[in-house]
């Protein structure tokens, strides 16, 4: 989700109400912002994280391998694992989250809670499978079959249950705690709501056009540009025309005082930064 014109600087005018225009012209920040997509639509899109497992199988199987290691620690280091496993999960999620969100108290508490949830699932799963695996045949004294079975069990629980918990974590932290926006939306692999800026520059004015493209054609909805349309012509064009629209604006930025151009700078000896 992008926000336009929030805390707008001096001399930015928008086609809006007189009161807001005067506040902008005086350099006063404004809480009014154009959001794309809207907050309501973003929250709806965010629910795609409930399907985190199917969208991110590689990450989930990596999480499953971590669950297996936590399961080994649970079985072989009991009861120390009641402290060790939550500590390792909590520190791991804290290191992951603070890289983008900083090291605030909220980040620390949420990381600890996230670690507690995953460690609870891992410890309970390890204890359950360790009990059930006691009913398996002895395999002629070989240890490897039991290790492989425990690996498969813990990896499956970690990938499915752990992956689902991680998706819920991304949803909750992004929707309610203003965290993990990048990971929450990138994990859904959305191919919608693209945006870019077009700018028109004149002598003392810049007009900024925030352009949105809600739907992007799928791979099968492009064709070779045999007509060579466009200047320069792209190699591929969509089967159906794109439907871009203005997110807001245009936003107009005007200069104060003398406008320094290349010609005036050469005459006065001023540097253009």
Protein backbone atom coordinates (compact mmCIF):
# COMPACT_ATOMS: atom_id res chain seq x y z
CA UNK A 1 0.00 0.00 0.00
CA UNK A 2 1.44 3.41 -0.89
CA UNK A 3 0.48 6.74 0.60
CA UNK A 4 0.67 9.94 -1.42
CA UNK A 5 0.91 13.54 -0.18
CA UNK A 6 1.15 12.71 3.50
CA UNK A 7 2.98 15.42 5.42
CA UNK A 8 3.31 17.36 2.16
CA UNK A 9 6.20 19.87 1.96
CA UNK A 10 5.92 23.55 1.11
CA UNK A 11 4.35 24.69 -2.13
CA UNK A 12 2.56 21.47 -2.97
CA UNK A 13 -0.96 22.09 -4.21
CA UNK A 14 -3.61 19.47 -4.72
CA UNK A 15 -7.09 19.79 -6.18
CA UNK A 16 -8.84 19.59 -2.84
CA UNK A 17 -10.74 21.68 -0.31
CA UNK A 18 -9.69 25.27 0.36
CA UNK A 19 -8.74 24.57 3.98
CA UNK A 20 -6.41 21.71 3.05
CA UNK A 21 -4.86 23.71 0.20
CA UNK A 22 -4.06 26.59 2.52
CA UNK A 23 -2.47 24.24 5.05
CA UNK A 24 -0.27 22.74 2.35
CA UNK A 25 0.78 26.13 1.00
CA UNK A 26 1.87 27.13 4.51
CA UNK A 27 3.99 24.01 4.88
CA UNK A 28 1.76 22.47 7.56
CA UNK A 29 1.64 18.68 7.60
CA UNK A 30 -1.65 16.99 6.88
CA UNK A 31 -2.99 13.63 7.97
CA UNK A 32 -5.05 13.36 4.77
CA UNK A 33 -3.44 10.86 2.43
CA UNK A 34 -4.39 9.10 -0.76
CA UNK A 35 -3.82 5.39 -0.26
CA UNK A 36 -3.50 2.81 -3.00
CA UNK A 37 -5.00 0.38 -2.53
CA UNK A 38 -7.30 1.78 0.14
CA UNK A 39 -6.83 0.64 3.73
CA UNK A 40 -10.06 -1.36 3.57
CA UNK A 41 -8.97 -3.12 0.39
CA UNK A 42 -5.48 -3.69 1.78
CA UNK A 43 -6.91 -5.44 4.85
CA UNK A 44 -8.97 -7.68 2.58
CA UNK A 45 -5.90 -8.50 0.48
CA UNK A 46 -3.92 -9.17 3.65
CA UNK A 47 -6.13 -12.17 4.43
CA UNK A 48 -4.26 -13.98 1.67
CA UNK A 49 -1.65 -14.74 4.33
CA UNK A 50 -4.00 -17.41 5.65
CA UNK A 51 -2.87 -19.36 2.59
CA UNK A 52 0.80 -18.82 3.45
CA UNK A 53 1.65 -22.54 3.35
CA UNK A 54 0.50 -23.14 -0.21
CA UNK A 55 2.10 -19.92 -1.44
CA UNK A 56 5.48 -20.41 0.26
CA UNK A 57 6.26 -24.15 0.41
CA UNK A 58 10.03 -23.66 0.41
CA UNK A 59 9.98 -21.40 3.46
CA UNK A 60 7.53 -23.72 5.22
CA UNK A 61 9.73 -26.79 4.72
CA UNK A 62 12.68 -24.79 6.05
CA UNK A 63 10.55 -23.99 9.07
CA UNK A 64 9.76 -27.71 9.29
CA UNK A 65 13.47 -28.53 9.46
CA UNK A 66 13.81 -26.08 12.36
CA UNK A 67 10.90 -27.82 14.04
CA UNK A 68 12.73 -31.13 13.65
CA UNK A 69 15.80 -29.72 15.38
CA UNK A 70 13.56 -28.31 18.12
CA UNK A 71 11.95 -31.74 18.42
CA UNK A 72 15.34 -33.43 18.85
CA UNK A 73 16.20 -30.92 21.56
CA UNK A 74 12.85 -31.56 23.24
CA UNK A 75 13.30 -35.32 23.37
CA UNK A 76 16.99 -35.51 24.24
CA UNK A 77 17.33 -32.44 26.48
CA UNK A 78 14.18 -32.79 28.55
CA UNK A 79 13.26 -30.87 30.72
CA UNK A 80 15.88 -28.25 29.79
CA UNK A 81 14.16 -27.96 26.41
CA UNK A 82 11.20 -26.25 28.10
CA UNK A 83 13.46 -23.22 28.41
CA UNK A 84 15.87 -23.82 25.54
CA UNK A 85 13.34 -24.25 22.71
CA UNK A 86 11.22 -21.13 23.47
CA UNK A 87 14.41 -19.14 23.94
CA UNK A 88 15.80 -20.17 20.55
CA UNK A 89 12.50 -19.56 18.75
CA UNK A 90 12.03 -16.18 20.44
CA UNK A 91 15.58 -15.03 19.65
CA UNK A 92 15.21 -16.24 16.07
CA UNK A 93 12.00 -14.31 15.45
CA UNK A 94 13.39 -11.28 17.26
CA UNK A 95 16.48 -11.25 15.00
CA UNK A 96 14.22 -11.68 11.94
CA UNK A 97 11.79 -8.91 12.91
CA UNK A 98 14.19 -6.27 14.22
CA UNK A 99 16.08 -6.30 10.94
CA UNK A 100 13.17 -4.41 9.34
CA UNK A 101 11.13 -3.08 12.23
CA UNK A 102 13.81 -2.01 14.73
CA UNK A 103 14.31 -3.11 18.30
CA UNK A 104 11.33 -1.50 20.02
CA UNK A 105 9.57 -2.99 23.04
CA UNK A 106 6.63 -3.96 20.81
CA UNK A 107 8.97 -5.89 18.50
CA UNK A 108 10.50 -7.69 21.47
CA UNK A 109 7.14 -8.65 22.97
CA UNK A 110 5.65 -9.79 19.67
CA UNK A 111 8.77 -11.82 18.88
CA UNK A 112 8.57 -13.47 22.30
CA UNK A 113 4.87 -14.28 21.80
CA UNK A 114 5.53 -15.64 18.31
CA UNK A 115 8.38 -17.76 19.64
CA UNK A 116 6.17 -19.08 22.44
CA UNK A 117 3.48 -20.20 19.98
CA UNK A 118 5.92 -22.02 17.71
CA UNK A 119 7.82 -23.60 20.60
CA UNK A 120 4.57 -24.86 22.09
CA UNK A 121 3.62 -26.51 18.80
CA UNK A 122 7.11 -27.99 18.38
CA UNK A 123 7.37 -29.30 21.95
CA UNK A 124 3.88 -30.84 21.99
CA UNK A 125 4.43 -32.38 18.57
CA UNK A 126 7.79 -33.84 19.59
CA UNK A 127 6.39 -35.36 22.78
CA UNK A 128 3.41 -36.81 20.94
CA UNK A 129 5.46 -38.34 18.12
CA UNK A 130 8.08 -39.64 20.54
CA UNK A 131 5.32 -41.46 22.42
CA UNK A 132 3.64 -42.81 19.29
CA UNK A 133 6.95 -43.89 17.75
CA UNK A 134 7.52 -46.09 20.78
CA UNK A 135 4.95 -48.44 19.25
CA UNK A 136 6.92 -48.84 16.04
CA UNK A 137 8.71 -52.16 15.32
CA UNK A 138 12.39 -52.35 16.39
CA UNK A 139 13.64 -52.38 12.75
CA UNK A 140 16.19 -55.03 13.65
CA UNK A 141 18.03 -52.67 15.97
CA UNK A 142 18.61 -50.03 13.29
CA UNK A 143 18.23 -46.43 14.52
CA UNK A 144 18.02 -44.70 11.15
CA UNK A 145 14.39 -45.62 10.32
CA UNK A 146 13.17 -44.10 13.58
CA UNK A 147 15.19 -40.93 12.93
CA UNK A 148 13.78 -40.61 9.41
CA UNK A 149 10.22 -41.13 10.63
CA UNK A 150 10.64 -38.50 13.35
CA UNK A 151 12.18 -36.15 10.78
CA UNK A 152 9.19 -36.58 8.46
CA UNK A 153 6.69 -36.10 11.28
CA UNK A 154 8.25 -32.95 12.70
CA UNK A 155 8.94 -31.46 9.27
CA UNK A 156 5.31 -32.00 8.27
CA UNK A 157 4.03 -30.37 11.46
CA UNK A 158 6.46 -27.49 11.10
CA UNK A 159 5.61 -26.90 7.45
CA UNK A 160 1.82 -27.11 7.84
CA UNK A 161 1.03 -25.92 11.37
CA UNK A 162 4.13 -23.74 11.77
CA UNK A 163 3.67 -22.23 8.32
CA UNK A 164 0.02 -21.44 9.04
CA UNK A 165 0.98 -19.83 12.35
CA UNK A 166 3.57 -17.73 10.55
CA UNK A 167 0.96 -16.55 8.06
CA UNK A 168 -1.34 -15.54 10.92
CA UNK A 169 1.61 -13.72 12.52
CA UNK A 170 2.18 -11.72 9.32
CA UNK A 171 -1.51 -10.88 9.08
CA UNK A 172 -1.87 -9.74 12.69
CA UNK A 173 1.33 -7.72 12.86
CA UNK A 174 0.69 -5.98 9.54
CA UNK A 175 -3.01 -5.30 10.17
CA UNK A 176 -2.83 -4.22 13.81
CA UNK A 177 0.77 -3.34 14.74
CA UNK A 178 2.08 -1.63 11.57
CA UNK A 179 4.84 -4.20 11.16
CA UNK A 180 6.03 -6.61 8.47
CA UNK A 181 4.12 -4.89 5.65
CA UNK A 182 6.75 -5.85 3.09
CA UNK A 183 6.88 -9.53 4.06
CA UNK A 184 3.12 -9.80 4.53
CA UNK A 185 2.33 -8.59 1.02
CA UNK A 186 5.31 -10.07 -0.83
CA UNK A 187 4.54 -13.51 0.62
CA UNK A 188 1.18 -13.50 -1.20
CA UNK A 189 2.86 -13.06 -4.60
CA UNK A 190 0.22 -10.55 -5.68
CA UNK A 191 0.36 -9.34 -9.25
CA UNK A 192 -2.07 -6.47 -8.75
CA UNK A 193 -2.12 -2.82 -7.72
CA UNK A 194 1.00 -1.67 -9.51
CA UNK A 195 1.82 2.01 -9.39
CA UNK A 196 4.29 4.49 -10.82
CA UNK A 197 4.82 8.23 -11.16
CA UNK A 198 4.73 10.34 -14.32
CA UNK A 199 6.16 13.86 -14.07
CA UNK A 200 5.79 16.91 -16.30
CA UNK A 201 8.50 19.53 -15.73
CA UNK A 202 8.18 23.13 -16.90
CA UNK A 203 10.19 26.26 -16.04
CA UNK A 204 9.13 26.66 -12.42
CA UNK A 205 6.70 23.82 -11.91
CA UNK A 206 6.59 20.05 -11.64
CA UNK A 207 3.34 18.14 -11.99
CA UNK A 208 3.41 14.65 -10.48
CA UNK A 209 0.85 12.13 -11.66
CA UNK A 210 0.52 9.05 -9.39
CA UNK A 211 -0.76 6.34 -11.73
CA UNK A 212 -2.31 3.10 -10.53
CA UNK A 213 -2.86 -0.16 -12.39
CA UNK A 214 -5.18 -2.38 -10.37
CA UNK A 215 -5.02 -5.44 -12.60
CA UNK A 216 -1.90 -6.63 -14.41
CA UNK A 217 -2.38 -9.11 -17.29
CA UNK A 218 -1.32 -12.69 -16.61
CA UNK A 219 1.48 -14.30 -18.58
CA UNK A 220 -1.03 -15.86 -20.98
CA UNK A 221 -2.67 -12.47 -21.62
CA UNK A 222 0.25 -10.96 -23.55
CA UNK A 223 1.03 -11.25 -27.24
CA UNK A 224 3.83 -10.30 -29.61
CA UNK A 225 3.59 -6.70 -30.79
CA UNK A 226 3.40 -7.56 -34.50
CA UNK A 227 1.90 -4.14 -35.35
CA UNK A 228 4.94 -2.39 -33.80
CA UNK A 229 2.66 -0.06 -31.85
CA UNK A 230 4.25 2.42 -29.49
CA UNK A 231 7.25 4.72 -29.63
CA UNK A 232 9.50 2.90 -29.22
CA UNK A 233 7.41 -0.23 -29.78
CA UNK A 234 7.55 -2.82 -26.98
CA UNK A 235 8.16 -6.46 -27.83
CA UNK A 236 4.91 -7.55 -26.18
CA UNK A 237 1.55 -5.88 -25.62
CA UNK A 238 -1.48 -7.03 -23.59
CA UNK A 239 -4.31 -8.75 -25.41
CA UNK A 240 -6.79 -6.37 -23.75
CA UNK A 241 -5.78 -2.73 -23.18
CA UNK A 242 -4.50 -1.76 -19.75
CA UNK A 243 -6.71 0.38 -17.51
CA UNK A 244 -4.47 2.86 -15.70
CA UNK A 245 -6.00 5.55 -13.51
CA UNK A 246 -4.87 8.49 -11.42
CA UNK A 247 -4.53 7.60 -7.75
CA UNK A 248 -4.90 11.30 -6.94
CA UNK A 249 -3.76 14.65 -8.19
CA UNK A 250 -1.97 15.72 -10.09
CA UNK A 251 0.35 17.03 -7.35
CA UNK A 252 1.81 20.39 -8.34
CA UNK A 253 5.18 21.57 -6.99
CA UNK A 254 6.08 25.21 -7.66
CA UNK A 255 9.43 26.92 -7.09
CA UNK A 256 9.89 30.03 -5.00
CA UNK A 257 11.93 32.99 -6.21
CA UNK A 258 14.35 32.81 -9.13
CA UNK A 259 14.46 29.60 -11.10
CA UNK A 260 18.07 28.64 -11.86
CA UNK A 261 18.48 27.09 -15.28
CA UNK A 262 21.64 25.96 -17.03
CA UNK A 263 21.81 29.28 -18.93
CA UNK A 264 21.38 31.51 -15.86
CA UNK A 265 23.79 29.37 -13.86
CA UNK A 266 26.50 29.83 -16.52
CA UNK A 267 25.97 33.57 -16.50
CA UNK A 268 26.04 33.97 -12.70
CA UNK A 269 28.59 31.25 -11.96
CA UNK A 270 26.18 29.35 -9.67
CA UNK A 271 26.35 25.62 -9.31
CA UNK A 272 23.32 23.53 -9.98
CA UNK A 273 22.91 20.78 -7.39
